[in-house]
Amino acid sequence: MHKRYLKIFMLVFGLVIFINTVSTLMYLNNPKSFYFRPWEYFDEVAYKVDSIAPVWDGQATSDQTRKNHFYYQDAHGVLTTVDHDGYRSQPPKKGEVEILVSGDSTIFGSGLSDHETLPWILSGLVNEKVSNGGRSSLFNTLQKPEMGSVRIVIDGVIERVINDGGVFVSYGYEEGDTYQPLSRDEVEQIDLYQIVPPARYLATSIMMRKLSQLKEDVVTKINGGEREWVFNNHTMRPSDLESAVRSIKQRHEKLASENIRYIFMAIPSKQTLYDDSVDVYTRTYIHLLSETLQKEGIEVINLLVAFEREKSSLQLYRNYDTHWNENGTRIAAEIVAEYLQKTENN
C-alpha cells in the first residue's frame, strides 16, 4: 500500500516540478507577460537587463483589479518609457532642466501614458524643461548630471502619507551616497530567475493567486457586488500635522541652502474627496497643512479646492486604484503652472 502512495506522491511531485519549470522558462522568454503594470516590470526586469528595452506598451491594471478575477476589471492601454537612467521620459525641449517634480508612483504616473503625467503636461504649459523624479529619492535625483540647472523643486506627496511616519520615501538613499541611476545593468535575461522572487513566475504561486482572486470574487458577490470606489482608508491626527511640518521644513531648509526654490504640494487622496464618512479633520487636513507651512515661510500649492470643485463633473481618480487619472494630472498641472507664472511675476 505504501508503495502505491509513494508512486502517487512522486507523480504529483514530478508534475509540480514540470509545470514550475515550464512557467519559469516562459517567464525567462517573455517576462513582461507576468506583470500587471509598468513600474513593477521596470524595477524587476527592464532596469536590470541591458538587452530589454525599458518600454511598456500594453495593458496596465489597478490595485483592486489584481485582487479579483471577474470583478473590478479595468485594464487599460498605457505607453510608459524611461530615459537611460530609469527616469520617466519627458517631452524633448531645448535648454536645461529648470523644474524637477519629485514624488512617488503618483508623480511617476502609475496607470498613465507618458504624455498624461503631471511633469509632461506642466512642461508644455510653462514651456520649460521639466523633469519627472517620481519613484526616486529627491536628493539622489538632484545628483543626476542633467539636474545641475534645476532651480525649482516641486515635492508632490499623496495626502495619506503626510503623517508622523516620515512623509518622504528614501528609496534606499542615505545622505552622503553617490548618485545611483535607477537603471543598472546587473544580469542577463536568462539569469532573471536568480534575482526575481519565485512567487512572480512559479506556476504553483500563480495558481494560488488565482484561487485567492476567485475567493475575493465570492466575497464581493456576497457583499452585493462592486463598490463604486475603492479607497485606501486613512485618518489624520494633529500629531501627524506637527511631525509632517517638521520633515517638510527640514527639506525646505536643505534645498534653500543650495539655492533651490522649494514648493510643497499635497496630492489629495481619493478617500478625502469621495468618501462621505471621512471625519472633518482628515477632510480638511490639506488646508490645515497648507496654512501651517505658509506660516513657516514654505511655498505651498493646494490642489484640494480645485479637486473638490471638479469632483462632481469629472472623474479624477481610477475607480479601483489610489492613483489619479489623466483628468487629475491635467487639473493639477494647470494649477501648478498658474502658480508658477503668478509667483514668477511677483
C-alpha atoms as a PDB file:
ATOM      1  CA  MET A   1       0.000   0.000   0.000  1.00  0.00           C
ATOM      2  CA  HIS A   2       2.768   2.434   0.913  1.00  0.00           C
ATOM      3  CA  LYS A   3       4.391   1.860  -2.485  1.00  0.00           C
ATOM      4  CA  ARG A   4       1.173   2.958  -4.129  1.00  0.00           C
ATOM      5  CA  TYR A   5       1.080   6.181  -2.099  1.00  0.00           C
ATOM      6  CA  LEU A   6       4.752   6.762  -2.817  1.00  0.00           C
ATOM      7  CA  LYS A   7       4.101   6.382  -6.532  1.00  0.00           C
ATOM      8  CA  ILE A   8       1.228   8.880  -6.351  1.00  0.00           C
ATOM      9  CA  PHE A   9       3.393  11.276  -4.369  1.00  0.00           C
ATOM     10  CA  MET A  10       6.243  11.020  -6.877  1.00  0.00           C
ATOM     11  CA  LEU A  11       3.816  11.535  -9.745  1.00  0.00           C
ATOM     12  CA  VAL A  12       2.342  14.687  -8.162  1.00  0.00           C
ATOM     13  CA  PHE A  13       5.788  15.946  -7.181  1.00  0.00           C
ATOM     14  CA  GLY A  14       7.065  15.392 -10.705  1.00  0.00           C
ATOM     15  CA  LEU A  15       4.053  17.218 -12.153  1.00  0.00           C
ATOM     16  CA  VAL A  16       4.664  20.195  -9.866  1.00  0.00           C
ATOM     17  CA  ILE A  17       8.324  20.321 -10.868  1.00  0.00           C
ATOM     18  CA  PHE A  18       7.355  20.105 -14.528  1.00  0.00           C
ATOM     19  CA  ILE A  19       4.768  22.899 -14.533  1.00  0.00           C
ATOM     20  CA  ASN A  20       7.011  25.164 -12.466  1.00  0.00           C
ATOM     21  CA  THR A  21       9.876  24.549 -14.867  1.00  0.00           C
ATOM     22  CA  VAL A  22       7.651  25.358 -17.832  1.00  0.00           C
ATOM     23  CA  SER A  23       6.373  28.582 -16.222  1.00  0.00           C
ATOM     24  CA  THR A  24       9.955  29.596 -15.353  1.00  0.00           C
ATOM     25  CA  LEU A  25      11.063  29.100 -18.954  1.00  0.00           C
ATOM     26  CA  MET A  26       8.039  31.089 -20.162  1.00  0.00           C
ATOM     27  CA  TYR A  27       8.983  33.897 -17.781  1.00  0.00           C
ATOM     28  CA  LEU A  28      12.589  33.971 -18.957  1.00  0.00           C
ATOM     29  CA  ASN A  29      11.410  34.108 -22.565  1.00  0.00           C
ATOM     30  CA  ASN A  30       8.778  36.819 -22.080  1.00  0.00           C
ATOM     31  CA  PRO A  31       8.884  38.336 -18.579  1.00  0.00           C
ATOM     32  CA  LYS A  32       6.574  41.264 -19.403  1.00  0.00           C
ATOM     33  CA  SER A  33       3.549  38.963 -19.670  1.00  0.00           C
ATOM     34  CA  PHE A  34       3.897  38.138 -15.953  1.00  0.00           C
ATOM     35  CA  TYR A  35       3.457  41.750 -14.790  1.00  0.00           C
ATOM     36  CA  PHE A  36       0.414  43.914 -14.105  1.00  0.00           C
ATOM     37  CA  ARG A  37       1.874  47.395 -14.539  1.00  0.00           C
ATOM     38  CA  PRO A  38       4.989  49.124 -15.850  1.00  0.00           C
ATOM     39  CA  TRP A  39       6.998  50.254 -12.853  1.00  0.00           C
ATOM     40  CA  GLU A  40       6.956  46.794 -11.257  1.00  0.00           C
ATOM     41  CA  TYR A  41       8.241  45.352 -14.528  1.00  0.00           C
ATOM     42  CA  PHE A  42      10.896  48.049 -14.774  1.00  0.00           C
ATOM     43  CA  ASP A  43      12.101  47.503 -11.193  1.00  0.00           C
ATOM     44  CA  GLU A  44      12.484  43.752 -11.510  1.00  0.00           C
ATOM     45  CA  VAL A  45      13.403  43.343 -15.183  1.00  0.00           C
ATOM     46  CA  ALA A  46      13.970  46.292 -17.530  1.00  0.00           C
ATOM     47  CA  TYR A  47      16.189  48.231 -15.101  1.00  0.00           C
ATOM     48  CA  LYS A  48      18.433  45.185 -14.643  1.00  0.00           C
ATOM     49  CA  VAL A  49      18.759  43.633 -18.130  1.00  0.00           C
ATOM     50  CA  ASP A  50      20.546  45.683 -20.780  1.00  0.00           C
ATOM     51  CA  SER A  51      19.048  43.708 -23.676  1.00  0.00           C
ATOM     52  CA  ILE A  52      15.472  44.504 -22.617  1.00  0.00           C
ATOM     53  CA  ALA A  53      14.170  47.909 -23.685  1.00  0.00           C
ATOM     54  CA  PRO A  54      12.645  49.899 -20.781  1.00  0.00           C
ATOM     55  CA  VAL A  55       9.330  50.336 -22.550  1.00  0.00           C
ATOM     56  CA  TRP A  56       5.815  49.266 -21.613  1.00  0.00           C
ATOM     57  CA  ASP A  57       3.300  49.482 -24.431  1.00  0.00           C
ATOM     58  CA  GLY A  58       0.317  47.435 -23.357  1.00  0.00           C
ATOM     59  CA  GLN A  59      -2.333  46.856 -20.728  1.00  0.00           C
ATOM     60  CA  ALA A  60      -1.968  48.019 -17.122  1.00  0.00           C
ATOM     61  CA  THR A  61      -4.313  47.207 -14.253  1.00  0.00           C
ATOM     62  CA  SER A  62      -5.342  48.858 -10.983  1.00  0.00           C
ATOM     63  CA  ASP A  63      -4.688  47.659  -7.433  1.00  0.00           C
ATOM     64  CA  GLN A  64      -8.111  46.113  -6.903  1.00  0.00           C
ATOM     65  CA  THR A  65      -8.135  44.557 -10.390  1.00  0.00           C
ATOM     66  CA  ARG A  66      -5.409  42.148  -9.312  1.00  0.00           C
ATOM     67  CA  LYS A  67      -7.294  41.057  -6.220  1.00  0.00           C
ATOM     68  CA  ASN A  68     -10.248  39.760  -8.240  1.00  0.00           C
ATOM     69  CA  HIS A  69     -10.664  37.640 -11.353  1.00  0.00           C
ATOM     70  CA  PHE A  70     -14.113  38.689 -12.607  1.00  0.00           C
ATOM     71  CA  TYR A  71     -14.933  41.824 -10.607  1.00  0.00           C
ATOM     72  CA  TYR A  72     -13.142  45.188 -10.644  1.00  0.00           C
ATOM     73  CA  GLN A  73     -11.511  44.613 -14.031  1.00  0.00           C
ATOM     74  CA  ASP A  74     -10.320  47.834 -15.694  1.00  0.00           C
ATOM     75  CA  ALA A  75      -7.235  47.024 -17.786  1.00  0.00           C
ATOM     76  CA  HIS A  76      -6.314  49.980 -19.987  1.00  0.00           C
ATOM     77  CA  GLY A  77      -3.617  50.693 -22.541  1.00  0.00           C
ATOM     78  CA  VAL A  78      -0.529  52.566 -21.338  1.00  0.00           C
ATOM     79  CA  LEU A  79       2.693  53.690 -23.004  1.00  0.00           C
ATOM     80  CA  THR A  80       5.473  54.078 -20.447  1.00  0.00           C
ATOM     81  CA  THR A  81       9.056  54.877 -21.380  1.00  0.00           C
ATOM     82  CA  VAL A  82      12.066  55.934 -19.317  1.00  0.00           C
ATOM     83  CA  ASP A  83      15.432  57.513 -20.032  1.00  0.00           C
ATOM     84  CA  HIS A  84      18.857  55.846 -19.841  1.00  0.00           C
ATOM     85  CA  ASP A  85      18.927  56.251 -16.045  1.00  0.00           C
ATOM     86  CA  GLY A  86      15.427  54.890 -15.487  1.00  0.00           C
ATOM     87  CA  TYR A  87      13.540  58.177 -15.009  1.00  0.00           C
ATOM     88  CA  ARG A  88      10.197  58.743 -16.707  1.00  0.00           C
ATOM     89  CA  SER A  89      10.547  60.217 -20.200  1.00  0.00           C
ATOM     90  CA  GLN A  90       9.724  63.867 -20.778  1.00  0.00           C
ATOM     91  CA  PRO A  91       8.906  65.826 -23.950  1.00  0.00           C
ATOM     92  CA  PRO A  92      12.032  66.984 -25.814  1.00  0.00           C
ATOM     93  CA  LYS A  93      12.783  70.658 -25.220  1.00  0.00           C
ATOM     94  CA  LYS A  94      15.818  72.803 -25.813  1.00  0.00           C
ATOM     95  CA  GLY A  95      17.760  74.150 -22.892  1.00  0.00           C
ATOM     96  CA  GLU A  96      18.478  72.846 -19.434  1.00  0.00           C
ATOM     97  CA  VAL A  97      16.209  71.326 -16.797  1.00  0.00           C
ATOM     98  CA  GLU A  98      14.599  74.160 -14.851  1.00  0.00           C
ATOM     99  CA  ILE A  99      11.980  72.329 -12.783  1.00  0.00           C
ATOM    100  CA  LEU A 100      12.091  68.962 -11.017  1.00  0.00           C
ATOM    101  CA  VAL A 101       8.846  67.376  -9.826  1.00  0.00           C
ATOM    102  CA  SER A 102       9.621  64.795  -7.155  1.00  0.00           C
ATOM    103  CA  GLY A 103       7.349  62.215  -5.584  1.00  0.00           C
ATOM    104  CA  ASP A 104       6.213  58.610  -5.563  1.00  0.00           C
ATOM    105  CA  SER A 105       4.263  56.486  -8.072  1.00  0.00           C
ATOM    106  CA  THR A 106       1.594  59.196  -8.364  1.00  0.00           C
ATOM    107  CA  ILE A 107       4.111  61.671  -9.782  1.00  0.00           C
ATOM    108  CA  PHE A 108       5.786  58.927 -11.819  1.00  0.00           C
ATOM    109  CA  GLY A 109       2.367  58.392 -13.373  1.00  0.00           C
ATOM    110  CA  SER A 110       1.156  54.928 -12.409  1.00  0.00           C
ATOM    111  CA  GLY A 111      -1.553  53.919 -14.864  1.00  0.00           C
ATOM    112  CA  LEU A 112      -0.798  56.854 -17.189  1.00  0.00           C
ATOM    113  CA  SER A 113       0.933  57.154 -20.532  1.00  0.00           C
ATOM    114  CA  ASP A 114       3.964  59.438 -20.799  1.00  0.00           C
ATOM    115  CA  HIS A 115       2.046  62.433 -22.138  1.00  0.00           C
ATOM    116  CA  GLU A 116      -0.557  62.169 -19.342  1.00  0.00           C
ATOM    117  CA  THR A 117       1.852  62.572 -16.418  1.00  0.00           C
ATOM    118  CA  LEU A 118       1.876  65.837 -14.466  1.00  0.00           C
ATOM    119  CA  PRO A 119       5.508  66.787 -15.287  1.00  0.00           C
ATOM    120  CA  TRP A 120       4.919  66.189 -19.029  1.00  0.00           C
ATOM    121  CA  ILE A 121       1.784  68.364 -19.100  1.00  0.00           C
ATOM    122  CA  LEU A 122       3.439  71.030 -16.929  1.00  0.00           C
ATOM    123  CA  SER A 123       6.385  71.225 -19.319  1.00  0.00           C
ATOM    124  CA  GLY A 124       4.037  72.193 -22.147  1.00  0.00           C
ATOM    125  CA  LEU A 125       2.167  74.746 -20.054  1.00  0.00           C
ATOM    126  CA  VAL A 126       5.212  76.639 -18.779  1.00  0.00           C
ATOM    127  CA  ASN A 127       7.387  75.970 -21.846  1.00  0.00           C
ATOM    128  CA  GLU A 128      10.263  74.839 -19.649  1.00  0.00           C
ATOM    129  CA  LYS A 129      12.233  71.640 -19.348  1.00  0.00           C
ATOM    130  CA  VAL A 130      10.571  69.740 -16.501  1.00  0.00           C
ATOM    131  CA  SER A 131      11.965  66.503 -15.126  1.00  0.00           C
ATOM    132  CA  ASN A 132       9.947  63.668 -13.574  1.00  0.00           C
ATOM    133  CA  GLY A 133      11.634  62.475 -10.373  1.00  0.00           C
ATOM    134  CA  GLY A 134       8.881  60.053  -9.397  1.00  0.00           C
ATOM    135  CA  ARG A 135       9.841  56.883  -7.517  1.00  0.00           C
ATOM    136  CA  SER A 136      13.327  58.047  -6.575  1.00  0.00           C
ATOM    137  CA  SER A 137      14.841  59.901  -3.652  1.00  0.00           C
ATOM    138  CA  LEU A 138      14.870  63.627  -4.353  1.00  0.00           C
ATOM    139  CA  PHE A 139      18.479  64.013  -3.242  1.00  0.00           C
ATOM    140  CA  ASN A 140      19.637  61.111  -5.388  1.00  0.00           C
ATOM    141  CA  THR A 141      17.815  62.610  -8.381  1.00  0.00           C
ATOM    142  CA  LEU A 142      19.440  66.012  -7.828  1.00  0.00           C
ATOM    143  CA  GLN A 143      22.850  64.372  -8.275  1.00  0.00           C
ATOM    144  CA  LYS A 144      21.943  63.241 -11.769  1.00  0.00           C
ATOM    145  CA  PRO A 145      24.241  65.184 -14.169  1.00  0.00           C
ATOM    146  CA  GLU A 146      21.331  66.812 -16.027  1.00  0.00           C
ATOM    147  CA  MET A 147      19.921  68.188 -12.762  1.00  0.00           C
ATOM    148  CA  GLY A 148      22.672  70.726 -12.162  1.00  0.00           C
ATOM    149  CA  SER A 149      20.488  73.505 -13.592  1.00  0.00           C
ATOM    150  CA  VAL A 150      17.380  72.780 -11.510  1.00  0.00           C
ATOM    151  CA  ARG A 151      16.155  75.959  -9.852  1.00  0.00           C
ATOM    152  CA  ILE A 152      12.717  74.803  -8.642  1.00  0.00           C
ATOM    153  CA  VAL A 153      11.742  71.581  -6.858  1.00  0.00           C
ATOM    154  CA  ILE A 154       8.072  70.689  -6.540  1.00  0.00           C
ATOM    155  CA  ASP A 155       7.512  67.939  -3.992  1.00  0.00           C
ATOM    156  CA  GLY A 156       4.284  66.036  -4.693  1.00  0.00           C
ATOM    157  CA  VAL A 157       3.236  63.752  -1.858  1.00  0.00           C
ATOM    158  CA  ILE A 158      -0.008  61.820  -1.560  1.00  0.00           C
ATOM    159  CA  GLU A 159      -2.020  63.088   1.402  1.00  0.00           C
ATOM    160  CA  ARG A 160      -2.371  59.845   3.357  1.00  0.00           C
ATOM    161  CA  VAL A 161       1.402  59.519   3.927  1.00  0.00           C
ATOM    162  CA  ILE A 162       1.927  63.103   5.110  1.00  0.00           C
ATOM    163  CA  ASN A 163       1.985  61.958   8.703  1.00  0.00           C
ATOM    164  CA  ASP A 164       4.333  61.099  11.555  1.00  0.00           C
ATOM    165  CA  GLY A 165       5.625  58.088   9.628  1.00  0.00           C
ATOM    166  CA  GLY A 166       8.223  60.103   7.740  1.00  0.00           C
ATOM    167  CA  VAL A 167       6.443  61.775   4.781  1.00  0.00           C
ATOM    168  CA  PHE A 168       9.259  61.239   2.278  1.00  0.00           C
ATOM    169  CA  VAL A 169      10.326  57.845   0.914  1.00  0.00           C
ATOM    170  CA  SER A 170      14.109  57.400   0.760  1.00  0.00           C
ATOM    171  CA  TYR A 171      14.130  54.587  -1.842  1.00  0.00           C
ATOM    172  CA  GLY A 172      17.306  53.338  -0.182  1.00  0.00           C
ATOM    173  CA  TYR A 173      19.196  56.610  -0.457  1.00  0.00           C
ATOM    174  CA  GLU A 174      21.141  57.833   2.559  1.00  0.00           C
ATOM    175  CA  GLU A 175      22.732  61.241   2.961  1.00  0.00           C
ATOM    176  CA  GLY A 176      26.235  61.204   1.558  1.00  0.00           C
ATOM    177  CA  ASP A 177      25.587  58.460  -1.000  1.00  0.00           C
ATOM    178  CA  THR A 178      26.906  58.961  -4.507  1.00  0.00           C
ATOM    179  CA  TYR A 179      24.456  59.113  -7.397  1.00  0.00           C
ATOM    180  CA  GLN A 180      22.817  55.824  -8.321  1.00  0.00           C
ATOM    181  CA  PRO A 181      20.751  55.592 -11.526  1.00  0.00           C
ATOM    182  CA  LEU A 182      17.535  53.615 -11.224  1.00  0.00           C
ATOM    183  CA  SER A 183      18.543  51.533 -14.219  1.00  0.00           C
ATOM    184  CA  ARG A 184      21.561  49.288 -13.681  1.00  0.00           C
ATOM    185  CA  ASP A 185      22.684  46.500 -15.996  1.00  0.00           C
ATOM    186  CA  GLU A 186      23.228  43.700 -13.494  1.00  0.00           C
ATOM    187  CA  VAL A 187      22.125  40.427 -15.057  1.00  0.00           C
ATOM    188  CA  GLU A 188      21.478  38.606 -18.298  1.00  0.00           C
ATOM    189  CA  GLN A 189      17.878  37.820 -19.160  1.00  0.00           C
ATOM    190  CA  ILE A 190      18.469  34.096 -18.706  1.00  0.00           C
ATOM    191  CA  ASP A 191      19.539  34.722 -15.105  1.00  0.00           C
ATOM    192  CA  LEU A 192      16.455  36.690 -14.020  1.00  0.00           C
ATOM    193  CA  TYR A 193      15.165  33.725 -12.034  1.00  0.00           C
ATOM    194  CA  GLN A 194      18.069  34.247  -9.616  1.00  0.00           C
ATOM    195  CA  ILE A 195      17.007  37.759  -8.568  1.00  0.00           C
ATOM    196  CA  VAL A 196      13.249  37.907  -9.159  1.00  0.00           C
ATOM    197  CA  PRO A 197      11.059  36.465  -6.370  1.00  0.00           C
ATOM    198  CA  PRO A 198       9.950  32.953  -7.450  1.00  0.00           C
ATOM    199  CA  ALA A 199       6.366  33.815  -6.495  1.00  0.00           C
ATOM    200  CA  ARG A 200       6.331  36.050  -9.581  1.00  0.00           C
ATOM    201  CA  TYR A 201       6.688  33.237 -12.111  1.00  0.00           C
ATOM    202  CA  LEU A 202       6.208  29.798 -10.496  1.00  0.00           C
ATOM    203  CA  ALA A 203       3.023  28.157 -11.753  1.00  0.00           C
ATOM    204  CA  THR A 204       2.046  26.953  -8.282  1.00  0.00           C
ATOM    205  CA  SER A 205       2.246  30.512  -6.909  1.00  0.00           C
ATOM    206  CA  ILE A 206       0.242  31.842  -9.838  1.00  0.00           C
ATOM    207  CA  MET A 207      -2.446  29.209  -9.264  1.00  0.00           C
ATOM    208  CA  MET A 208      -2.638  30.123  -5.586  1.00  0.00           C
ATOM    209  CA  ARG A 209      -3.097  33.784  -6.517  1.00  0.00           C
ATOM    210  CA  LYS A 210      -5.825  32.809  -8.938  1.00  0.00           C
ATOM    211  CA  LEU A 211      -7.627  30.887  -6.204  1.00  0.00           C
ATOM    212  CA  SER A 212      -7.318  33.916  -3.935  1.00  0.00           C
ATOM    213  CA  GLN A 213      -8.810  36.112  -6.681  1.00  0.00           C
ATOM    214  CA  LEU A 214     -11.763  33.756  -7.084  1.00  0.00           C
ATOM    215  CA  LYS A 215     -12.260  33.807  -3.318  1.00  0.00           C
ATOM    216  CA  GLU A 216     -12.348  37.621  -3.447  1.00  0.00           C
ATOM    217  CA  ASP A 217     -14.963  37.362  -6.205  1.00  0.00           C
ATOM    218  CA  VAL A 218     -17.152  35.254  -3.921  1.00  0.00           C
ATOM    219  CA  VAL A 219     -16.738  37.795  -1.089  1.00  0.00           C
ATOM    220  CA  THR A 220     -17.563  40.632  -3.488  1.00  0.00           C
ATOM    221  CA  LYS A 221     -20.667  38.806  -4.675  1.00  0.00           C
ATOM    222  CA  ILE A 222     -21.847  38.124  -1.122  1.00  0.00           C
ATOM    223  CA  ASN A 223     -21.335  41.791  -0.205  1.00  0.00           C
ATOM    224  CA  GLY A 224     -23.540  42.964  -3.069  1.00  0.00           C
ATOM    225  CA  GLY A 225     -21.105  43.388  -5.944  1.00  0.00           C
ATOM    226  CA  GLU A 226     -18.555  46.035  -6.826  1.00  0.00           C
ATOM    227  CA  ARG A 227     -18.249  49.247  -4.865  1.00  0.00           C
ATOM    228  CA  GLU A 228     -18.213  52.411  -6.943  1.00  0.00           C
ATOM    229  CA  TRP A 229     -14.911  53.485  -5.391  1.00  0.00           C
ATOM    230  CA  VAL A 230     -12.077  51.599  -3.736  1.00  0.00           C
ATOM    231  CA  PHE A 231     -10.213  53.607  -1.102  1.00  0.00           C
ATOM    232  CA  ASN A 232      -7.017  53.288   0.880  1.00  0.00           C
ATOM    233  CA  ASN A 233      -8.578  54.404   4.151  1.00  0.00           C
ATOM    234  CA  HIS A 234      -6.657  56.671   6.494  1.00  0.00           C
ATOM    235  CA  THR A 235      -7.290  59.044   9.401  1.00  0.00           C
ATOM    236  CA  MET A 236      -5.171  62.120  10.047  1.00  0.00           C
ATOM    237  CA  ARG A 237      -4.407  63.496  13.521  1.00  0.00           C
ATOM    238  CA  PRO A 238      -2.814  66.684  14.926  1.00  0.00           C
ATOM    239  CA  SER A 239       0.356  64.710  15.725  1.00  0.00           C
ATOM    240  CA  ASP A 240       0.647  63.872  12.011  1.00  0.00           C
ATOM    241  CA  LEU A 241       0.497  67.551  11.144  1.00  0.00           C
ATOM    242  CA  GLU A 242       3.176  68.530  13.659  1.00  0.00           C
ATOM    243  CA  SER A 243       5.577  65.791  12.554  1.00  0.00           C
ATOM    244  CA  ALA A 244       4.954  66.382   8.859  1.00  0.00           C
ATOM    245  CA  VAL A 245       5.647  70.112   9.149  1.00  0.00           C
ATOM    246  CA  ARG A 246       8.997  69.376  10.804  1.00  0.00           C
ATOM    247  CA  SER A 247      10.004  66.986   7.997  1.00  0.00           C
ATOM    248  CA  ILE A 248       8.915  69.355   5.246  1.00  0.00           C
ATOM    249  CA  LYS A 249      10.644  72.309   6.908  1.00  0.00           C
ATOM    250  CA  GLN A 250      13.927  70.380   7.064  1.00  0.00           C
ATOM    251  CA  ARG A 251      13.585  69.539   3.374  1.00  0.00           C
ATOM    252  CA  HIS A 252      12.924  73.182   2.542  1.00  0.00           C
ATOM    253  CA  GLU A 253      15.907  74.411   4.548  1.00  0.00           C
ATOM    254  CA  LYS A 254      18.293  71.930   2.935  1.00  0.00           C
ATOM    255  CA  LEU A 255      17.274  72.976  -0.576  1.00  0.00           C
ATOM    256  CA  ALA A 256      17.319  76.663   0.344  1.00  0.00           C
ATOM    257  CA  SER A 257      20.961  76.231   1.394  1.00  0.00           C
ATOM    258  CA  GLU A 258      21.625  75.010  -2.162  1.00  0.00           C
ATOM    259  CA  ASN A 259      19.760  77.999  -3.679  1.00  0.00           C
ATOM    260  CA  ILE A 260      16.913  75.833  -4.953  1.00  0.00           C
ATOM    261  CA  ARG A 261      13.362  77.106  -4.637  1.00  0.00           C
ATOM    262  CA  TYR A 262      11.180  74.560  -2.852  1.00  0.00           C
ATOM    263  CA  ILE A 263       7.412  74.132  -3.258  1.00  0.00           C
ATOM    264  CA  PHE A 264       5.397  71.510  -1.399  1.00  0.00           C
ATOM    265  CA  MET A 265       2.281  70.024  -2.989  1.00  0.00           C
ATOM    266  CA  ALA A 266      -0.034  67.651  -1.134  1.00  0.00           C
ATOM    267  CA  ILE A 267      -1.920  65.374  -3.529  1.00  0.00           C
ATOM    268  CA  PRO A 268      -5.487  64.811  -2.250  1.00  0.00           C
ATOM    269  CA  SER A 269      -6.351  61.201  -1.524  1.00  0.00           C
ATOM    270  CA  LYS A 270      -9.372  59.818  -3.321  1.00  0.00           C
ATOM    271  CA  GLN A 271     -10.937  58.934   0.025  1.00  0.00           C
ATOM    272  CA  THR A 272     -10.915  62.584   1.129  1.00  0.00           C
ATOM    273  CA  LEU A 273     -12.957  63.601  -1.892  1.00  0.00           C
ATOM    274  CA  TYR A 274     -15.342  60.703  -2.384  1.00  0.00           C
ATOM    275  CA  ASP A 275     -15.896  59.032   0.988  1.00  0.00           C
ATOM    276  CA  ASP A 276     -18.696  60.796   2.871  1.00  0.00           C
ATOM    277  CA  SER A 277     -17.763  59.108   6.160  1.00  0.00           C
ATOM    278  CA  VAL A 278     -14.363  60.838   6.449  1.00  0.00           C
ATOM    279  CA  ASP A 279     -14.009  62.876   9.652  1.00  0.00           C
ATOM    280  CA  VAL A 280     -13.721  66.655   9.475  1.00  0.00           C
ATOM    281  CA  TYR A 281     -10.054  66.834  10.500  1.00  0.00           C
ATOM    282  CA  THR A 282      -8.981  64.379   7.815  1.00  0.00           C
ATOM    283  CA  ARG A 283     -11.131  66.084   5.189  1.00  0.00           C
ATOM    284  CA  THR A 284      -9.585  69.494   5.935  1.00  0.00           C
ATOM    285  CA  TYR A 285      -6.069  68.214   6.651  1.00  0.00           C
ATOM    286  CA  ILE A 286      -4.534  69.590   3.452  1.00  0.00           C
ATOM    287  CA  HIS A 287      -5.957  73.056   4.181  1.00  0.00           C
ATOM    288  CA  LEU A 288      -4.554  72.953   7.724  1.00  0.00           C
ATOM    289  CA  LEU A 289      -1.186  71.729   6.475  1.00  0.00           C
ATOM    290  CA  SER A 290      -1.014  74.406   3.787  1.00  0.00           C
ATOM    291  CA  GLU A 291      -1.794  77.193   6.242  1.00  0.00           C
ATOM    292  CA  THR A 292       0.800  75.935   8.728  1.00  0.00           C
ATOM    293  CA  LEU A 293       3.545  75.581   6.116  1.00  0.00           C
ATOM    294  CA  GLN A 294       2.874  79.048   4.733  1.00  0.00           C
ATOM    295  CA  LYS A 295       3.274  80.475   8.227  1.00  0.00           C
ATOM    296  CA  GLU A 296       6.682  78.774   8.310  1.00  0.00           C
ATOM    297  CA  GLY A 297       7.633  80.546   5.091  1.00  0.00           C
ATOM    298  CA  ILE A 298       7.303  77.478   2.864  1.00  0.00           C
ATOM    299  CA  GLU A 299       5.638  77.772  -0.515  1.00  0.00           C
ATOM    300  CA  VAL A 300       2.611  75.507  -0.956  1.00  0.00           C
ATOM    301  CA  ILE A 301       0.362  74.547  -3.834  1.00  0.00           C
ATOM    302  CA  ASN A 302      -3.055  73.470  -2.542  1.00  0.00           C
ATOM    303  CA  LEU A 303      -4.881  71.234  -5.029  1.00  0.00           C
ATOM    304  CA  LEU A 304      -7.795  70.387  -2.754  1.00  0.00           C
ATOM    305  CA  VAL A 305     -10.005  73.396  -3.569  1.00  0.00           C
ATOM    306  CA  ALA A 306      -9.945  72.722  -7.310  1.00  0.00           C
ATOM    307  CA  PHE A 307     -10.354  68.976  -6.860  1.00  0.00           C
ATOM    308  CA  GLU A 308     -13.391  69.497  -4.630  1.00  0.00           C
ATOM    309  CA  ARG A 309     -14.853  71.809  -7.251  1.00  0.00           C
ATOM    310  CA  GLU A 310     -14.310  69.383 -10.135  1.00  0.00           C
ATOM    311  CA  LYS A 311     -15.059  66.043  -8.454  1.00  0.00           C
ATOM    312  CA  SER A 312     -18.761  66.042  -9.375  1.00  0.00           C
ATOM    313  CA  SER A 313     -18.302  66.748 -13.068  1.00  0.00           C
ATOM    314  CA  LEU A 314     -15.035  64.890 -13.681  1.00  0.00           C
ATOM    315  CA  GLN A 315     -13.645  61.578 -12.529  1.00  0.00           C
ATOM    316  CA  LEU A 316     -10.228  62.459 -11.113  1.00  0.00           C
ATOM    317  CA  TYR A 317      -9.011  59.033 -10.000  1.00  0.00           C
ATOM    318  CA  ARG A 318      -9.227  55.492 -11.237  1.00  0.00           C
ATOM    319  CA  ASN A 319     -12.217  53.745  -9.684  1.00  0.00           C
ATOM    320  CA  TYR A 320     -10.274  50.772  -8.365  1.00  0.00           C
ATOM    321  CA  ASP A 321      -6.905  52.349  -7.627  1.00  0.00           C
ATOM    322  CA  THR A 322      -5.471  55.055  -5.374  1.00  0.00           C
ATOM    323  CA  HIS A 323      -3.771  56.932  -8.235  1.00  0.00           C
ATOM    324  CA  TRP A 324      -5.228  59.858 -10.147  1.00  0.00           C
ATOM    325  CA  ASN A 325      -6.163  59.607 -13.819  1.00  0.00           C
ATOM    326  CA  GLU A 326      -5.424  61.935 -16.737  1.00  0.00           C
ATOM    327  CA  ASN A 327      -8.112  64.398 -15.562  1.00  0.00           C
ATOM    328  CA  GLY A 328      -6.462  64.686 -12.174  1.00  0.00           C
ATOM    329  CA  THR A 329      -2.992  65.286 -13.587  1.00  0.00           C
ATOM    330  CA  ARG A 330      -4.251  67.831 -16.104  1.00  0.00           C
ATOM    331  CA  ILE A 331      -6.049  69.907 -13.454  1.00  0.00           C
ATOM    332  CA  ALA A 332      -3.055  69.669 -11.106  1.00  0.00           C
ATOM    333  CA  ALA A 333      -0.634  70.708 -13.862  1.00  0.00           C
ATOM    334  CA  GLU A 334      -2.793  73.722 -14.719  1.00  0.00           C
ATOM    335  CA  ILE A 335      -2.849  74.810 -11.066  1.00  0.00           C
ATOM    336  CA  VAL A 336       0.930  74.394 -10.752  1.00  0.00           C
ATOM    337  CA  ALA A 337       1.547  76.337 -13.990  1.00  0.00           C
ATOM    338  CA  GLU A 338      -0.737  79.165 -12.873  1.00  0.00           C
ATOM    339  CA  TYR A 339       1.013  79.334  -9.500  1.00  0.00           C
ATOM    340  CA  LEU A 340       4.473  79.420 -11.077  1.00  0.00           C
ATOM    341  CA  GLN A 341       3.536  82.099 -13.579  1.00  0.00           C
ATOM    342  CA  LYS A 342       1.906  84.237 -10.880  1.00  0.00           C
ATOM    343  CA  THR A 343       4.791  83.958  -8.427  1.00  0.00           C
ATOM    344  CA  GLU A 344       7.490  84.392 -11.082  1.00  0.00           C
ATOM    345  CA  ASN A 345       5.997  87.774 -11.966  1.00  0.00           C
ATOM    346  CA  ASN A 346       5.952  88.952  -8.350  1.00  0.00           C
END
